[in-house]
Amino acid sequence: MKTPQEPSEPSATSSDPHLNEADIEQAIAAAERSLIDLKERFAQIQRDQQRQNELQQRQKQIKKEQRLPISQRQPLKAELKRIKTELETIELNLESRLFSWGSLKEPFWQAVRFGGLGIVIGWLLRSCGG
């Protein structure tokens, strides 16, 4: 029975410890940057969610105050419209943080790959079938 042969020469990465150290340092720096970005996004999401809750509470208060005379309702309608716009912006920000191109890239390319493969197979079957 043969045993696997040991490589006669060490690989370039094991013979040059500085190369490994540089790669490790780059990986650590990239991980640190990713962690900082993640922390910043998390803090922004928390601020947006808190602001969203505040605006929703104010929106409920304004709707309760709709029983006021017409002259007093105009400023409330304007504030209600501003709140609605800000809530939509916050919801968009929160959704965009959850769904980024990076998270959709893999499913997109799989759909393109298998969709294209299905079209090619369909053409082949059609041409063979007459």
Protein backbone atom coordinates (compact mmCIF):
# COMPACT_ATOMS: atom_id res chain seq x y z
CA MET A 1 0.00 0.00 0.00
CA LYS A 2 1.37 3.39 -0.93
CA THR A 3 1.46 6.24 1.52
CA PRO A 4 0.86 9.79 0.36
CA GLN A 5 4.12 11.46 -0.57
CA GLU A 6 5.28 14.43 1.40
CA PRO A 7 5.88 17.50 -0.75
CA SER A 8 9.58 17.83 -1.42
CA GLU A 9 9.48 21.61 -1.15
CA PRO A 10 7.40 23.63 1.30
CA SER A 11 4.78 25.86 -0.25
CA ALA A 12 5.47 29.55 -0.75
CA THR A 13 3.16 30.55 2.09
CA SER A 14 4.81 28.30 4.66
CA SER A 15 8.36 29.26 3.61
CA ASP A 16 7.69 33.00 3.94
CA PRO A 17 6.30 33.77 7.41
CA HIS A 18 6.01 37.48 6.54
CA LEU A 19 3.56 36.67 3.76
CA ASN A 20 1.32 34.80 6.19
CA GLU A 21 1.56 37.58 8.75
CA ALA A 22 0.65 40.20 6.14
CA ASP A 23 -2.35 38.14 5.01
CA ILE A 24 -3.47 37.64 8.59
CA GLU A 25 -3.08 41.35 9.38
CA GLN A 26 -5.11 42.27 6.29
CA ALA A 27 -7.82 39.78 7.24
CA ILE A 28 -7.94 41.15 10.79
CA ALA A 29 -8.13 44.74 9.51
CA ALA A 30 -10.94 43.79 7.12
CA ALA A 31 -12.80 42.02 9.93
CA GLU A 32 -12.39 45.07 12.19
CA ARG A 33 -13.74 47.38 9.46
CA SER A 34 -16.69 45.04 8.92
CA LEU A 35 -17.38 44.98 12.65
CA ILE A 36 -17.27 48.79 12.86
CA ASP A 37 -19.64 49.05 9.87
CA LEU A 38 -21.97 46.51 11.44
CA LYS A 39 -22.00 48.39 14.75
CA GLU A 40 -22.74 51.67 12.95
CA ARG A 41 -25.60 50.10 10.99
CA PHE A 42 -27.00 48.53 14.14
CA ALA A 43 -26.90 51.88 15.98
CA GLN A 44 -28.60 53.60 13.02
CA ILE A 45 -31.30 50.93 12.93
CA GLN A 46 -31.92 51.39 16.65
CA ARG A 47 -32.18 55.19 16.22
CA ASP A 48 -34.53 54.78 13.26
CA GLN A 49 -36.73 52.32 15.15
CA GLN A 50 -36.88 54.62 18.17
CA ARG A 51 -37.79 57.60 15.95
CA GLN A 52 -40.38 55.46 14.17
CA ASN A 53 -42.01 54.58 17.50
CA GLU A 54 -42.05 58.24 18.56
CA LEU A 55 -43.65 59.31 15.29
CA GLN A 56 -46.24 56.57 15.45
CA GLN A 57 -47.22 57.65 18.97
CA ARG A 58 -47.52 61.28 17.84
CA GLN A 59 -49.56 60.16 14.84
CA LYS A 60 -52.00 58.39 17.18
CA GLN A 61 -52.27 61.54 19.33
CA ILE A 62 -53.03 63.68 16.31
CA LYS A 63 -55.71 61.29 15.11
CA LYS A 64 -57.35 61.51 18.53
CA GLU A 65 -57.29 65.30 18.28
CA GLN A 66 -59.26 65.25 15.02
CA ARG A 67 -62.36 66.13 17.06
CA LEU A 68 -61.13 69.70 17.43
CA PRO A 69 -62.76 72.55 15.50
CA ILE A 70 -61.79 72.90 11.83
CA SER A 71 -59.65 75.99 12.46
CA GLN A 72 -57.41 74.02 14.83
CA ARG A 73 -57.17 70.94 12.57
CA GLN A 74 -55.13 72.57 9.77
CA PRO A 75 -51.81 72.60 11.66
CA LEU A 76 -52.51 69.04 12.77
CA LYS A 77 -53.09 67.93 9.16
CA ALA A 78 -49.79 69.48 8.12
CA GLU A 79 -47.97 67.78 10.99
CA LEU A 80 -49.69 64.48 10.19
CA LYS A 81 -48.52 64.73 6.59
CA ARG A 82 -44.95 65.50 7.70
CA ILE A 83 -45.00 62.54 10.11
CA LYS A 84 -46.31 60.22 7.40
CA THR A 85 -43.52 61.30 5.03
CA GLU A 86 -40.85 60.85 7.71
CA LEU A 87 -42.25 57.42 8.63
CA GLU A 88 -42.09 56.33 5.00
CA THR A 89 -38.46 57.50 4.79
CA ILE A 90 -37.55 55.64 7.98
CA GLU A 91 -39.26 52.45 6.75
CA LEU A 92 -37.34 52.70 3.49
CA ASN A 93 -34.06 53.14 5.40
CA LEU A 94 -34.81 50.16 7.61
CA GLU A 95 -35.74 47.97 4.64
CA SER A 96 -32.66 49.00 2.68
CA ARG A 97 -30.47 47.98 5.59
CA LEU A 98 -32.08 44.58 5.72
CA PHE A 99 -31.96 43.92 1.99
CA SER A 100 -28.76 44.92 0.28
CA TRP A 101 -27.40 43.97 -3.11
CA GLY A 102 -24.88 41.73 -1.33
CA SER A 103 -27.65 39.63 0.20
CA LEU A 104 -29.53 39.41 -3.12
CA LYS A 105 -26.48 38.81 -5.33
CA GLU A 106 -26.28 35.02 -4.86
CA PRO A 107 -30.00 34.28 -5.46
CA PHE A 108 -29.97 36.64 -8.46
CA TRP A 109 -27.08 34.86 -10.15
CA GLN A 110 -28.57 31.45 -9.39
CA ALA A 111 -31.82 32.53 -11.03
CA VAL A 112 -29.91 33.83 -14.06
CA ARG A 113 -27.85 30.65 -14.29
CA PHE A 114 -30.71 28.18 -13.94
CA GLY A 115 -33.13 30.30 -15.94
CA GLY A 116 -30.62 30.45 -18.79
CA LEU A 117 -30.00 26.72 -18.50
CA GLY A 118 -33.75 26.08 -18.70
CA ILE A 119 -34.04 28.19 -21.86
CA VAL A 120 -31.15 26.32 -23.51
CA ILE A 121 -32.63 22.93 -22.60
CA GLY A 122 -36.02 24.09 -23.94
CA TRP A 123 -34.46 25.12 -27.26
CA LEU A 124 -32.61 21.81 -27.50
CA LEU A 125 -35.78 19.82 -26.82
CA ARG A 126 -37.74 21.86 -29.31
CA SER A 127 -35.11 21.43 -32.03
CA CYS A 128 -34.86 17.68 -31.38
CA GLY A 129 -38.62 17.21 -31.20
CA GLY A 130 -39.21 18.88 -34.49
